[in-house]
Protein backbone atom coordinates (compact mmCIF):
# COMPACT_ATOMS: atom_id res chain seq x y z
CA MET A 1 142.30 104.32 39.80
CA THR A 2 140.28 102.55 37.14
CA TRP A 3 136.82 101.19 37.80
CA HIS A 4 134.82 98.23 36.71
CA PHE A 5 131.40 98.08 38.39
CA PRO A 6 130.06 94.53 38.91
CA ILE A 7 126.58 93.38 37.95
CA TYR A 8 125.29 93.62 41.52
CA THR A 9 126.12 97.33 41.74
CA PRO A 10 122.42 98.48 41.68
CA ILE A 11 121.72 96.38 44.76
CA PHE A 12 124.51 98.09 46.67
CA ILE A 13 123.44 101.53 45.46
CA LEU A 14 119.83 100.82 46.51
CA ASN A 15 121.01 99.74 49.95
CA VAL A 16 123.21 102.84 50.37
CA LEU A 17 120.44 105.22 49.33
CA LEU A 18 117.90 103.43 51.53
CA CYS A 19 120.19 103.60 54.58
CA ILE A 20 120.96 107.29 54.05
CA TRP A 21 117.33 108.28 53.48
CA LEU A 22 116.08 106.20 56.41
CA SER A 23 118.78 107.58 58.74
CA ILE A 24 117.78 111.15 57.83
CA MET A 25 114.09 110.40 58.47
CA VAL A 26 114.67 108.84 61.89
CA TRP A 27 117.26 111.45 62.91
CA ARG A 28 114.50 114.05 62.78
CA ARG A 29 112.69 112.18 65.55
CA GLY A 30 115.46 112.87 68.01
CA ALA A 31 113.09 113.12 71.02
CA VAL A 32 112.55 109.36 70.95
CA PRO A 33 114.99 107.26 73.06
CA GLY A 34 117.63 105.52 70.92
CA VAL A 35 116.71 107.21 67.63
CA ARG A 36 120.14 108.84 67.13
CA VAL A 37 121.98 105.60 67.79
CA PHE A 38 119.69 103.83 65.30
CA ALA A 39 120.45 106.52 62.69
CA VAL A 40 124.21 106.14 63.25
CA MET A 41 123.85 102.37 62.82
CA LEU A 42 122.08 102.92 59.47
CA ILE A 43 124.81 105.33 58.34
CA ALA A 44 127.45 102.76 59.31
CA ALA A 45 125.60 100.04 57.36
CA GLY A 46 125.32 102.32 54.33
CA PHE A 47 129.00 103.26 54.57
CA TRP A 48 129.93 99.56 54.77
CA SER A 49 127.91 98.79 51.63
CA PHE A 50 129.32 101.79 49.75
CA THR A 51 132.97 101.05 50.54
CA ARG A 52 132.39 97.36 49.86
CA LEU A 53 131.10 98.32 46.40
CA LEU A 54 134.14 100.53 45.82
CA GLU A 55 136.44 97.69 46.85
CA ALA A 56 134.79 95.37 44.35
CA SER A 57 134.66 97.98 41.58
CA VAL A 58 138.23 99.33 41.54
CA ASP A 59 140.71 97.45 39.36
CA GLN A 60 144.05 98.12 41.14
CA PHE A 61 145.12 95.65 43.83
CA TRP A 62 146.46 98.31 46.16
CA ALA A 63 143.20 100.32 45.76
CA LYS A 64 141.12 97.34 46.76
CA ILE A 65 143.17 96.99 49.95
CA PHE A 66 142.76 100.72 50.59
CA TRP A 67 138.96 100.58 50.36
CA GLY A 68 138.99 97.37 52.39
CA LYS A 69 140.68 99.27 55.22
CA ILE A 70 138.27 102.22 54.90
CA GLU A 71 135.41 99.70 54.97
CA TYR A 72 136.29 98.87 58.59
CA LEU A 73 135.03 102.30 59.71
CA GLY A 74 131.52 101.07 58.96
CA THR A 75 131.75 97.42 59.97
CA VAL A 76 133.14 98.01 63.47
CA ALA A 77 130.44 100.60 64.28
CA ILE A 78 127.45 98.33 63.64
CA GLY A 79 127.90 96.03 66.66
CA PRO A 80 128.13 98.75 69.37
CA THR A 81 125.38 100.92 67.87
CA TRP A 82 123.08 97.92 67.48
CA PHE A 83 123.63 96.88 71.10
CA MET A 84 123.06 100.42 72.42
CA PHE A 85 119.90 100.86 70.34
CA THR A 86 118.36 97.60 71.58
CA ARG A 87 119.22 98.59 75.13
CA TYR A 88 117.32 101.85 74.68
CA TYR A 89 114.46 99.96 73.09
CA ARG A 90 114.26 97.43 75.92
CA TYR A 91 114.38 99.91 78.80
CA GLN A 92 112.77 102.90 77.04
CA THR A 93 115.36 105.26 78.47
CA LYS A 94 116.56 108.46 76.86
CA ARG A 95 119.69 108.91 78.94
CA ILE A 96 123.01 108.33 77.14
CA TYR A 97 125.94 107.01 79.13
CA PRO A 98 129.15 108.36 77.53
CA ARG A 99 131.33 106.03 79.57
CA TYR A 100 129.46 103.02 78.18
CA MET A 101 129.90 104.26 74.62
CA LEU A 102 133.59 104.83 75.32
CA LEU A 103 134.02 101.30 76.66
CA LEU A 104 132.14 99.83 73.70
CA SER A 105 134.36 101.82 71.32
CA ILE A 106 137.73 100.55 72.58
CA VAL A 107 137.79 97.31 70.56
CA PRO A 108 136.43 98.94 67.35
CA ILE A 109 139.05 101.74 67.52
CA ILE A 110 141.84 99.22 68.02
CA THR A 111 140.46 97.16 65.12
CA VAL A 112 140.44 100.13 62.73
CA LEU A 113 143.99 101.09 63.72
CA ALA A 114 145.11 97.48 63.33
CA ALA A 115 143.55 97.31 59.83
CA TRP A 116 145.23 100.54 58.72
CA THR A 117 148.63 99.36 60.01
CA ASN A 118 148.25 95.72 59.06
CA GLU A 119 151.45 95.62 57.02
CA ALA A 120 153.43 96.13 60.22
CA HIS A 121 151.96 93.23 62.20
CA HIS A 122 149.43 91.24 60.09
CA LEU A 123 147.02 90.93 63.02
CA ILE A 124 144.02 91.58 60.75
CA TRP A 125 145.06 89.96 57.47
CA THR A 126 147.85 87.40 57.26
CA ASP A 127 147.74 87.39 53.47
CA ILE A 128 145.64 88.89 50.65
CA VAL A 129 145.28 87.33 47.18
CA PRO A 130 142.83 87.95 44.29
CA SER A 131 140.20 85.31 43.59
CA VAL A 132 140.96 83.25 40.50
CA ALA A 133 137.28 82.89 39.55
CA ASN A 134 136.32 86.51 40.37
CA PRO A 135 139.29 88.90 40.13
CA GLU A 136 137.28 91.78 41.66
CA ILE A 137 137.13 89.79 44.90
CA LEU A 138 140.07 89.52 47.28
CA ILE A 139 140.66 86.47 49.42
CA TYR A 140 141.74 87.52 52.92
CA GLY A 141 143.63 85.34 55.37
CA HIS A 142 142.57 86.40 58.84
CA GLY A 143 144.88 87.14 61.75
CA THR A 144 144.51 86.93 65.53
CA TRP A 145 142.97 90.35 66.15
CA PHE A 146 140.46 89.79 63.35
CA TRP A 147 139.00 86.85 65.26
CA ILE A 148 139.01 88.86 68.49
CA ALA A 149 137.07 91.62 66.72
CA VAL A 150 134.64 89.06 65.24
CA ALA A 151 133.99 87.52 68.65
CA TYR A 152 133.47 90.98 70.12
CA ASN A 153 131.04 92.07 67.41
CA TYR A 154 129.08 88.85 67.53
CA THR A 155 128.80 89.21 71.31
CA LEU A 156 127.27 92.66 70.86
CA LEU A 157 124.99 91.51 68.05
CA LEU A 158 123.73 88.55 70.08
CA GLY A 159 123.42 90.81 73.13
CA GLY A 160 121.17 93.08 71.08
CA ILE A 161 119.07 90.10 70.03
CA TRP A 162 118.77 89.12 73.72
CA ASN A 163 117.60 92.65 74.56
CA LEU A 164 114.85 92.40 71.95
CA ARG A 165 113.85 88.97 73.19
CA GLN A 166 113.54 90.31 76.74
CA ALA A 167 111.62 93.31 75.48
CA LEU A 168 108.95 90.93 74.19
CA ASN A 169 108.27 89.93 77.82
CA THR A 170 107.59 93.48 78.97
CA LEU A 171 106.27 95.35 75.95
CA PRO A 172 102.52 95.46 75.25
CA LYS A 173 101.20 93.19 72.52
CA ASN A 174 100.69 96.04 70.08
CA ARG A 175 104.48 96.59 70.02
CA HIS A 176 105.49 92.97 69.55
CA SER A 177 105.47 93.42 65.76
CA GLN A 178 108.19 96.06 66.12
CA ALA A 179 110.47 93.83 68.17
CA LYS A 180 109.95 90.83 65.89
CA ALA A 181 110.67 92.90 62.77
CA LEU A 182 113.87 94.24 64.35
CA LEU A 183 114.91 90.69 65.25
CA LEU A 184 114.34 89.50 61.69
CA GLY A 185 116.16 92.48 60.20
CA ALA A 186 119.20 91.80 62.38
CA MET A 187 119.36 88.06 61.79
CA ILE A 188 119.54 88.32 57.97
CA PRO A 189 122.89 90.18 57.57
CA ILE A 190 124.34 88.27 60.53
CA ALA A 191 123.62 85.05 58.66
CA GLY A 192 125.30 86.41 55.51
CA ASN A 193 128.38 87.53 57.42
CA PHE A 194 128.53 84.15 59.19
CA LEU A 195 128.72 82.38 55.81
CA TYR A 196 131.60 84.66 54.75
CA ILE A 197 133.65 84.34 57.94
CA PHE A 198 133.50 80.57 58.00
CA ALA A 199 134.10 80.23 54.24
CA LEU A 200 130.61 78.92 53.51
CA SER A 201 129.67 81.60 50.98
CA PRO A 202 128.59 80.24 47.55
CA VAL A 203 131.00 82.73 45.99
CA LYS A 204 134.40 82.27 47.60
CA GLY A 205 135.68 85.39 49.34
CA MET A 206 132.43 87.34 48.89
CA ASP A 207 130.79 88.75 52.04
CA LEU A 208 127.02 88.38 51.51
CA ALA A 209 126.13 90.67 54.42
CA PRO A 210 126.02 93.86 52.28
CA PHE A 211 123.57 92.14 49.91
CA PHE A 212 121.38 91.09 52.82
CA LEU A 213 121.55 94.62 54.26
CA THR A 214 119.22 95.66 51.43
CA ILE A 215 116.58 93.27 52.75
CA THR A 216 117.28 94.52 56.26
CA GLY A 217 116.82 98.11 55.08
CA ILE A 218 113.41 97.26 53.65
CA ILE A 219 112.40 95.54 56.91
CA PHE A 220 113.59 98.52 58.97
CA PHE A 221 111.71 100.83 56.61
CA LEU A 222 108.50 98.92 57.35
CA THR A 223 109.34 98.89 61.06
CA VAL A 224 109.71 102.67 61.18
CA PHE A 225 106.75 103.64 59.01
CA ARG A 226 104.37 100.69 59.17
CA PHE A 227 104.89 99.62 62.80
CA GLN A 228 105.64 103.19 64.00
CA LEU A 229 108.94 102.34 65.65
CA PHE A 230 109.77 105.93 66.55
CA ASP A 231 106.26 107.32 66.90
CA ILE A 232 106.72 110.01 69.56
CA ARG A 233 103.09 109.72 70.68
CA ARG A 234 103.36 106.02 71.38
CA VAL A 235 106.75 106.36 73.03
CA ALA A 236 105.61 109.32 75.13
CA ARG A 237 102.57 107.37 76.27
CA ALA A 238 104.74 104.34 77.09
CA VAL A 239 107.20 106.49 79.04
CA ILE A 240 104.39 108.10 81.00
CA ILE A 241 102.81 104.74 81.85
CA ASP A 242 106.14 103.11 82.66
CA ASN A 243 107.05 105.95 85.03
CA MET A 244 103.67 106.09 86.75
CA ARG A 245 103.76 105.53 90.50
CA ASP A 246 100.46 103.71 90.13
CA GLY A 247 100.55 100.16 88.87
CA MET A 248 98.68 99.35 85.66
CA LEU A 249 97.58 95.98 84.30
CA VAL A 250 95.76 95.41 81.01
CA LEU A 251 93.93 92.09 80.78
CA ASP A 252 92.18 90.55 77.81
CA GLU A 253 88.81 88.85 78.03
CA LYS A 254 90.50 85.61 79.17
CA TYR A 255 92.33 87.37 82.04
CA VAL A 256 95.68 87.09 80.26
CA VAL A 257 98.03 90.01 80.99
CA VAL A 258 98.46 92.06 77.82
CA ASP A 259 100.43 94.91 79.38
CA ALA A 260 101.91 95.77 82.77
CA ASN A 261 104.03 98.71 83.85
CA PRO A 262 107.01 98.34 86.23
CA SER A 263 105.05 99.75 89.18
CA ALA A 264 102.46 96.97 88.92
CA ILE A 265 105.18 94.31 88.85
CA GLN A 266 106.86 95.86 91.90
CA LEU A 267 103.66 96.37 93.91
CA LEU A 268 102.46 92.82 93.32
CA GLY A 269 105.91 91.32 93.88
CA VAL A 270 105.70 89.13 90.77
CA SER A 271 108.14 88.18 88.03
CA LYS A 272 108.81 90.53 85.12
CA ALA A 273 107.67 87.71 82.82
CA LEU A 274 104.10 88.66 83.67
CA ILE A 275 103.05 89.43 80.10
CA GLU A 276 100.91 86.75 78.42
CA GLN A 277 100.37 84.99 81.75
CA ASP A 278 96.96 84.21 83.25
CA ILE A 279 96.51 86.68 86.09
CA ARG A 280 94.46 84.11 88.03
CA LEU A 281 97.53 81.87 88.23
CA THR A 282 100.03 84.66 88.80
CA LEU A 283 98.05 86.14 91.70
CA ALA A 284 96.78 82.88 93.15
CA LYS A 285 98.24 83.85 96.54
CA TYR A 286 96.05 86.99 96.57
CA PRO A 287 92.47 85.67 96.37
CA ALA A 288 91.09 89.01 97.60
CA ILE A 289 92.65 90.85 94.64
CA LEU A 290 91.39 88.21 92.21
CA ALA A 291 87.90 88.56 93.66
CA VAL A 292 87.97 92.28 92.84
CA ILE A 293 89.40 91.75 89.35
CA THR A 294 87.01 88.97 88.33
CA ASN A 295 83.92 90.63 89.78
CA THR A 296 81.83 92.06 86.93
CA GLN A 297 80.59 94.91 89.13
CA SER A 298 83.66 95.55 91.26
CA GLN A 299 84.08 98.75 93.23
CA PRO A 300 87.33 100.44 94.30
CA ILE A 301 88.66 98.63 97.35
CA THR A 302 91.69 98.83 99.62
CA LEU A 303 93.45 95.55 100.46
CA ALA A 304 96.50 94.53 102.46
CA VAL A 305 99.02 92.52 100.43
CA GLY A 306 102.56 91.27 100.81
CA ASP A 307 104.00 88.45 102.87
CA ASN A 308 103.43 90.34 106.13
CA GLN A 309 100.35 92.25 104.97
CA SER A 310 102.29 95.50 105.32
CA LEU A 311 101.41 96.95 101.91
CA TYR A 312 98.00 98.50 101.30
CA LEU A 313 96.76 98.84 97.72
CA ASP A 314 93.79 100.76 96.43
CA ILE A 315 92.50 98.65 93.52
CA GLN A 316 90.22 99.96 90.79
CA VAL A 317 89.02 97.85 87.87
CA SER A 318 87.52 99.29 84.67
CA GLU A 319 85.95 97.42 81.78
CA LEU A 320 87.59 97.84 78.35
CA ASN A 321 85.48 97.68 75.18
CA ASP A 322 86.51 97.41 71.54
CA THR A 323 85.37 99.82 68.81
CA LEU A 324 82.09 97.89 68.49
CA GLY A 325 81.34 98.19 72.18
CA ASN A 326 82.04 94.54 72.95
CA ALA A 327 83.89 93.55 76.12
CA ALA A 328 87.60 93.30 75.31
CA GLY A 329 89.22 93.07 78.72
CA LYS A 330 89.90 95.02 81.89
CA LEU A 331 92.15 97.81 83.09
CA VAL A 332 93.42 97.34 86.65
CA VAL A 333 94.95 100.33 88.43
CA LEU A 334 96.91 99.70 91.65
CA ARG A 335 97.74 102.59 93.96
CA ASP A 336 100.04 102.27 96.96
CA VAL A 337 98.11 103.85 99.84
CA THR A 338 100.27 102.41 102.62
CA GLU A 339 101.38 105.81 103.90
CA ARG A 340 97.83 107.14 103.74
CA HIS A 341 96.56 104.07 105.59
CA ARG A 342 99.22 104.50 108.26
CA ALA A 343 98.37 108.19 108.62
CA GLU A 344 94.67 107.36 108.89
CA LYS A 345 95.43 104.65 111.45
CA VAL A 346 97.51 107.06 113.52
CA ALA A 347 94.80 109.71 113.24
CA PHE A 348 92.14 107.19 114.24
CA GLU A 349 94.15 105.92 117.21
CA THR A 350 94.82 109.52 118.25
CA ALA A 351 91.13 110.36 118.00
CA ILE A 352 90.25 107.24 120.01
CA GLU A 353 92.79 108.16 122.67
CA GLN A 354 91.49 111.73 122.82
CA HIS A 355 87.92 110.44 123.07
CA ARG A 356 88.99 108.01 125.79
CA LEU A 357 90.61 110.83 127.73
CA GLN A 358 87.50 112.97 127.29
CA LEU A 359 85.32 110.14 128.55
CA LEU A 360 87.66 109.55 131.46
CA SER A 361 87.65 113.25 132.34
CA GLN A 362 83.88 113.41 132.03
CA PHE A 363 83.55 110.26 134.14
CA ILE A 364 85.77 111.71 136.85
CA ARG A 365 83.78 114.95 136.86
CA ASP A 366 80.44 113.15 136.94
CA ILE A 367 81.40 110.61 139.59
CA SER A 368 83.00 113.34 141.70
CA HIS A 369 79.76 115.28 141.61
CA GLU A 370 77.69 112.22 142.48
CA PHE A 371 79.95 111.37 145.42
CA ARG A 372 80.22 114.94 146.60
CA THR A 373 76.49 115.41 147.25
CA PRO A 374 75.92 112.48 149.65
CA LEU A 375 79.32 113.02 151.30
CA SER A 376 78.42 116.66 151.87
CA VAL A 377 75.11 115.63 153.43
CA ILE A 378 76.89 113.10 155.66
CA ASN A 379 79.49 115.64 156.79
CA THR A 380 76.83 118.25 157.51
CA SER A 381 74.67 115.77 159.43
CA LEU A 382 77.64 114.64 161.54
CA TYR A 383 78.49 118.24 162.35
CA LEU A 384 74.90 119.03 163.39
CA MET A 385 74.67 115.85 165.46
CA GLU A 386 77.66 117.03 167.47
CA LYS A 387 76.06 120.41 168.05
CA SER A 388 72.69 119.07 169.18
CA ASP A 389 71.66 117.05 172.24
CA ASP A 390 68.09 116.65 171.07
CA PRO A 391 67.45 112.89 170.51
CA LEU A 392 64.87 113.58 167.81
CA LYS A 393 67.23 115.80 165.85
CA GLN A 394 70.04 113.28 166.25
CA LYS A 395 67.79 110.51 164.97
CA SER A 396 66.83 112.67 161.99
CA ARG A 397 70.51 113.23 161.23
CA ARG A 398 71.29 109.50 161.56
CA ASP A 399 68.47 108.71 159.13
CA ALA A 400 69.90 111.24 156.66
CA ILE A 401 73.36 109.69 156.98
CA GLN A 402 71.92 106.21 156.51
CA LEU A 403 70.03 107.33 153.39
CA GLN A 404 73.13 108.90 151.87
CA ALA A 405 75.18 105.80 152.73
CA LYS A 406 72.61 103.73 150.81
CA ARG A 407 72.90 106.12 147.88
CA LEU A 408 76.67 105.69 147.88
CA ASP A 409 76.31 101.93 148.11
CA TYR A 410 73.87 101.96 145.19
CA LEU A 411 76.19 104.18 143.15
CA ILE A 412 79.16 101.87 143.79
CA SER A 413 77.01 98.86 142.89
CA GLU A 414 75.98 100.47 139.60
CA MET A 415 79.58 101.34 138.81
CA LEU A 416 80.71 97.77 139.48
CA THR A 417 77.94 96.50 137.21
CA THR A 418 79.10 98.90 134.49
CA VAL A 419 82.68 97.67 134.80
CA GLN A 420 81.51 94.06 134.71
CA LEU A 421 79.50 94.67 131.55
CA ASP A 422 82.36 96.57 129.89
CA ALA A 423 84.71 93.70 130.70
CA ASP A 424 82.38 91.46 128.69
CA SER A 425 82.10 88.97 131.54
CA PRO A 426 80.10 85.88 130.55
CA LEU A 427 76.43 85.78 131.55
CA GLU A 428 75.01 82.90 133.57
CA ARG A 429 72.32 81.89 131.13
CA THR A 430 69.40 79.58 131.67
CA VAL A 431 65.81 79.34 130.44
CA ILE A 432 63.65 81.93 132.21
CA ASN A 433 59.89 82.18 132.56
CA LEU A 434 59.46 85.87 131.75
CA ASN A 435 55.99 86.12 133.33
CA SER A 436 57.38 84.84 136.64
CA LEU A 437 60.30 87.28 136.46
CA LEU A 438 57.93 90.23 135.93
CA GLN A 439 55.66 89.15 138.78
CA THR A 440 58.64 88.89 141.13
CA MET A 441 59.94 92.28 140.07
CA THR A 442 56.63 94.12 140.50
CA GLN A 443 55.98 92.53 143.89
CA GLU A 444 59.42 93.62 145.11
CA GLN A 445 58.87 97.17 143.91
CA MET A 446 55.20 97.49 144.99
CA SER A 447 55.98 99.07 148.40
CA ILE A 448 58.05 101.82 146.74
CA PHE A 449 55.24 102.73 144.35
CA THR A 450 52.66 102.62 147.16
CA ALA A 451 54.75 104.98 149.28
CA LYS A 452 54.86 107.44 146.37
CA GLN A 453 51.09 107.03 145.81
CA GLN A 454 51.71 105.63 142.32
CA GLN A 455 49.70 102.86 140.74
CA LEU A 456 51.71 99.89 139.37
CA MET A 457 49.91 97.46 137.04
CA LEU A 458 51.16 94.22 135.45
CA HIS A 459 49.71 92.39 132.43
CA THR A 460 51.23 89.03 131.46
CA THR A 461 50.40 86.47 128.78
CA GLU A 462 48.34 83.35 129.31
CA LYS A 463 51.00 81.19 127.69
CA PRO A 464 54.49 81.17 129.24
CA LEU A 465 57.08 83.42 127.64
CA GLN A 466 60.45 81.71 127.77
CA ILE A 467 63.77 83.44 127.12
CA PHE A 468 67.34 82.21 127.43
CA GLY A 469 69.43 84.56 129.52
CA ASP A 470 70.82 85.70 132.85
CA GLY A 471 67.87 86.11 135.21
CA PHE A 472 69.72 88.34 137.67
CA MET A 473 70.96 90.72 134.98
CA LEU A 474 67.61 90.84 133.19
CA GLN A 475 65.77 91.65 136.41
CA LYS A 476 68.34 94.39 137.12
CA ALA A 477 67.78 95.91 133.66
CA LEU A 478 63.99 95.87 134.02
CA ASN A 479 64.23 97.26 137.59
CA ASN A 480 66.34 100.17 136.33
CA ILE A 481 63.76 101.04 133.67
CA LEU A 482 60.88 100.65 136.14
CA GLN A 483 62.61 102.84 138.75
CA ASN A 484 63.30 105.46 136.07
CA ALA A 485 59.57 105.49 135.25
CA SER A 486 58.67 105.93 138.92
CA ARG A 487 61.27 108.66 139.36
CA TYR A 488 59.73 110.87 136.66
CA THR A 489 56.07 110.09 137.40
CA PRO A 490 54.29 112.35 139.90
CA ALA A 491 52.14 111.14 142.81
CA SER A 492 48.83 109.60 141.76
CA GLY A 493 50.41 108.72 138.41
CA SER A 494 50.43 105.23 136.94
CA ILE A 495 53.02 102.81 135.54
CA THR A 496 51.96 99.82 133.46
CA VAL A 497 54.08 96.75 132.70
CA THR A 498 52.85 94.56 129.83
CA ALA A 499 54.30 91.33 128.44
CA ALA A 500 53.40 90.13 124.94
CA ALA A 501 54.65 87.75 122.25
CA GLN A 502 55.32 88.95 118.71
CA ASP A 503 56.78 86.54 116.17
CA ASP A 504 59.96 85.10 117.74
CA PHE A 505 60.30 87.89 120.30
CA ALA A 506 59.00 88.54 123.77
CA ASN A 507 58.14 92.24 124.19
CA ILE A 508 58.00 93.99 127.55
CA THR A 509 56.33 97.42 127.56
CA ILE A 510 56.81 99.78 130.52
CA SER A 511 54.61 102.88 130.20
CA ASP A 512 54.24 105.78 132.61
CA SER A 513 52.09 108.89 132.82
CA GLY A 514 55.04 111.07 133.85
CA VAL A 515 56.64 114.22 132.55
CA GLY A 516 57.81 112.71 129.26
CA MET A 517 60.91 113.67 127.29
CA SER A 518 61.85 115.93 124.41
CA VAL A 519 63.24 114.43 121.21
CA GLU A 520 66.72 115.71 122.08
CA THR A 521 66.58 114.08 125.50
CA GLN A 522 65.46 110.76 123.99
CA THR A 523 68.65 110.64 121.88
CA ARG A 524 70.84 110.93 125.02
CA ILE A 525 69.11 108.92 127.73
CA PHE A 526 71.39 105.93 127.20
CA GLU A 527 74.56 108.02 127.72
CA ARG A 528 76.32 107.35 131.00
CA PHE A 529 75.71 110.00 133.69
CA PHE A 530 73.29 111.87 131.46
CA ARG A 531 70.50 113.50 133.49
CA ALA A 532 67.49 115.18 131.91
CA ASP A 533 67.31 117.17 135.15
CA ASP A 534 70.42 119.40 134.96
CA ALA A 535 69.83 120.67 138.47
CA HIS A 536 69.87 117.08 139.80
CA SER A 537 66.73 117.74 141.82
CA THR A 538 65.47 114.29 140.82
CA PRO A 539 67.19 111.31 142.49
CA GLY A 540 69.44 109.17 140.28
CA PHE A 541 72.94 108.94 138.90
CA GLY A 542 72.43 108.57 135.11
CA LEU A 543 73.68 104.97 135.05
CA GLY A 544 70.47 102.96 135.24
CA LEU A 545 69.31 103.24 131.60
CA PRO A 546 72.80 102.74 130.06
CA ILE A 547 73.20 99.59 132.18
CA ALA A 548 69.75 98.38 131.12
CA GLN A 549 70.52 98.92 127.44
CA THR A 550 73.85 97.05 127.67
CA ILE A 551 72.24 94.07 129.41
CA ILE A 552 69.43 93.85 126.86
CA GLU A 553 71.89 94.06 123.95
CA LYS A 554 73.97 91.26 125.49
CA HIS A 555 70.79 89.18 125.23
CA GLN A 556 70.54 89.98 121.50
CA GLY A 557 67.68 92.38 122.14
CA TRP A 558 67.07 96.12 121.92
CA ILE A 559 65.05 98.91 123.50
CA ASP A 560 62.66 101.32 121.73
CA VAL A 561 61.59 104.59 123.36
CA GLU A 562 58.44 106.60 122.71
CA SER A 563 57.78 109.77 124.68
CA THR A 564 55.70 112.94 124.60
CA PRO A 565 56.46 115.85 126.94
CA ALA A 566 53.88 116.21 129.75
CA LYS A 567 52.14 112.98 128.69
CA GLY A 568 54.52 110.16 129.57
CA THR A 569 57.11 107.73 128.27
CA THR A 570 57.00 104.16 126.99
CA PHE A 571 59.98 101.77 126.91
CA ILE A 572 59.57 98.66 124.74
CA ILE A 573 62.11 95.90 125.43
CA HIS A 574 62.49 93.26 122.69
CA LEU A 575 64.03 89.92 123.68
CA PRO A 576 64.32 86.79 121.51
CA GLN A 577 62.34 83.83 122.76
CA THR A 578 64.13 80.52 123.24
CA ALA A 579 64.57 78.13 120.30
CA ALA A 580 62.68 74.87 120.36
CA GLU A 581 65.70 72.81 121.33
CA VAL A 582 66.47 75.10 124.28
CA ILE A 583 62.98 74.96 125.80
CA SER A 584 63.66 71.47 127.10
CA LEU A 585 66.11 72.95 129.63
CA PRO A 586 64.91 73.41 133.23
CA THR A 587 62.82 76.56 133.68
CA LEU A 588 63.93 79.10 136.28
CA GLU A 589 60.99 80.14 138.48
CA LEU A 590 61.90 83.23 140.48
CA ALA A 591 60.40 83.23 143.96
CA THR A 592 57.86 85.93 144.81
CA THR A 593 57.83 87.94 147.98
């Protein structure tokens, strides 16, 4: 073989050296997804340029055809390796699928074999003649398989460009320069090869792609070293974030999505084209999430999302600042806490059910005890009545039975009232003159206090105190508190009932000079069936005060308790007075007896 190197030889040599050096540099970063495929693509491009130079430089016709056939080893490898690299780049996966590489290699292998055996079938070149103007250049007539191979390679090249274009929708902004540089580097030699294939080259028969590969090599050099294409730290961080179970959104100061990992897209149920979209438009159907994101002082919060509100997300928003400390955007972290929420719900429902069963068991025990005592007295009295013929003793036993029957009737009445209040039955409300209600109540109870040698005093206001409520229920609540005061006040003691107005409230104070209560007892007196007297030597069932509290609360009021052991107890009932527009209603005057 004799050689005659053309004037453009340095360009080819520069391209070959650049491809070899760059492939060695990136091969060393083998931990990065797609780096080996990228290196093979560079080697193939360098091999193409080198053999293309040899084809142009050798003088013998048969030698040019020989190097033209060898050249195909490089050209057919560029399309598949380019497509595989862009696939790795788009999906950031390190896994290699041998079956895919095998499928992609079928057409290139057939093409190489067809080129080497072209004389037998002419499927690659139908004819080959030297160029008249440039003898170092051969003019090839292309056969059927050549065009099949071209279509195949262009499909892979365009598929790679599509992968990069899609990557721009999912990659963070700081990696867009990489993708754009790769796109530019790929388009340049494709354009040169396009001019050659369709006979548009300014020099007939000359493929300009190897010349343009030099420019591509420079662009790829900048992409690797300037834009850190295969920086293991950046890739590792991206892989970690992309594989996080928690969703992550990065927003700029205008609430435009700068970055989003796959988990965030899946949890929010939005399109993958989320990048560079205004989050306020994308999540318009989730106003609760937007309220958390846009709040300048947002706190972590758990929200139900999804079409059927079946997904629970824990949302945490952090402010992002630039190097100068200025606000630059926000970091939104989304955590799927659906399973935790379900477990907490089950645990809560279980605890409620256990508490309900405990209350039911306690209720059954308490009510059984309260029923057992009067029933025992009744049974004993009946037995003694049968054994005695003395009229006086029989009368005494009948009186005891009658008293216990009244106790049972009272207990059943209190239980029915409790059930009625628990069922949240509506109250029969009207405007009530509170002074009249208190006068009626004290007059009805006066005989009981007199029989126990207790002094009952009432102090009302000069001006009417009007409240809007259920007169029957309110009188029952006040009676229960008054009876409780009498029950724990010894003979010759005193109970004072005082009505007063304070702001928009009517206050009723019931004070006694009884035994008082400890602090511990005060915290439990509104529990059902609670008795400060564990021995039950004091009459009562432990329902009166809980009923009173429930009635007062249903009237938007409350009860305060002040007590000192051995000195007495004071109950202060606070009830809202009627509004001005309600006072015009008819006033209920309770009759006195």
